[in-house]
Protein backbone atom coordinates (compact mmCIF):
# COMPACT_ATOMS: atom_id res chain seq x y z
CA MET A 1 0.02 0.00 0.06
CA ALA A 2 1.44 3.49 -1.04
CA PRO A 3 2.06 6.04 1.58
CA SER A 4 -0.48 8.79 1.99
CA GLY A 5 -0.63 12.34 3.53
CA GLU A 6 2.47 13.68 4.88
CA ALA A 7 4.20 10.24 4.30
CA CYS A 8 3.80 10.52 0.64
CA ARG A 9 7.22 11.84 -0.78
CA HIS A 10 5.39 14.05 -3.37
CA ALA A 11 2.99 15.77 -0.79
CA LYS A 12 2.71 19.39 -1.15
CA LEU A 13 0.60 19.93 2.02
CA THR A 14 0.97 19.13 5.79
CA SER A 15 -1.72 17.94 7.95
CA ASP A 16 -1.96 21.43 9.36
CA CYS A 17 -2.52 22.89 5.89
CA VAL A 18 -5.12 20.22 5.08
CA GLU A 19 -7.04 21.13 8.24
CA SER A 20 -6.84 25.00 7.52
CA ILE A 21 -8.28 24.11 4.00
CA ARG A 22 -11.08 22.16 5.57
CA SER A 23 -11.80 24.97 8.18
CA ALA A 24 -11.85 27.68 5.46
CA VAL A 25 -14.39 25.51 3.43
CA ARG A 26 -16.55 24.98 6.56
CA GLN A 27 -16.31 28.84 7.07
CA ARG A 28 -17.31 29.68 3.48
CA GLU A 29 -20.28 27.20 3.67
CA ALA A 30 -21.38 28.80 7.04
CA LEU A 31 -21.31 32.44 5.42
CA ARG A 32 -23.04 31.05 2.26
CA GLU A 33 -25.81 29.99 4.62
CA HIS A 34 -25.97 33.17 6.43
CA ILE A 35 -26.05 35.09 3.06
CA ARG A 36 -28.78 32.84 1.92
CA THR A 37 -31.02 33.15 4.97
CA GLN A 38 -30.25 36.58 6.58
CA LEU A 39 -28.98 38.83 3.77
CA THR A 40 -31.68 38.44 1.13
CA ASP A 41 -33.60 41.49 0.07
CA ASP A 42 -36.57 40.12 1.72
CA ALA A 43 -34.88 39.56 5.05
CA ILE A 44 -33.44 43.10 4.93
CA ALA A 45 -36.71 44.61 4.13
CA LYS A 46 -38.36 42.63 7.13
CA LYS A 47 -35.63 43.85 9.40
CA TYR A 48 -36.32 47.45 8.48
CA GLY A 49 -39.98 47.28 7.91
CA ILE A 50 -39.71 48.42 4.25
CA THR A 51 -40.64 46.55 0.94
CA LYS A 52 -38.14 44.37 -0.96
CA ARG A 53 -38.42 46.95 -3.77
CA GLN A 54 -37.27 49.88 -1.55
CA VAL A 55 -34.20 47.82 -0.49
CA GLN A 56 -33.42 47.30 -4.25
CA ARG A 57 -33.84 51.09 -4.84
CA ILE A 58 -31.55 51.84 -2.14
CA ALA A 59 -28.80 49.39 -3.11
CA SER A 60 -28.93 50.46 -6.72
CA ARG A 61 -28.82 54.12 -5.47
CA GLU A 62 -32.16 55.04 -7.14
CA CYS A 63 -32.98 56.61 -3.96
CA TRP A 64 -30.69 58.03 -1.02
CA ALA A 65 -28.18 58.52 -3.89
CA GLU A 66 -26.70 61.47 -1.95
CA LEU A 67 -25.16 59.31 0.60
CA SER A 68 -21.45 58.22 0.22
CA GLU A 69 -20.80 55.00 -1.08
CA ASP A 70 -18.27 54.52 1.76
CA ALA A 71 -20.95 55.29 4.45
CA THR A 72 -21.04 52.63 7.12
CA GLY A 73 -23.87 54.12 9.37
CA GLN A 74 -25.19 51.96 12.04
CA CYS A 75 -29.02 51.63 12.59
CA ASP A 76 -30.71 49.29 15.01
CA GLY A 77 -33.55 48.57 12.46
């Protein structure tokens, strides 16, 4: 049976690297789930008590265009 993992002479990764890669993938999947469930236009609209269309208009700068693109204001919503 051929050596595997770090024991393989052609290995480019260590066990720590593999664990780091798997951790990064888990984080990515958790972030995707968060985006899918919490950051939809519907979810944002519900949080702020506005319509989905209003969220889209704000995002596309059809309204509130005078605010800076870099604005990072906080609102309790």
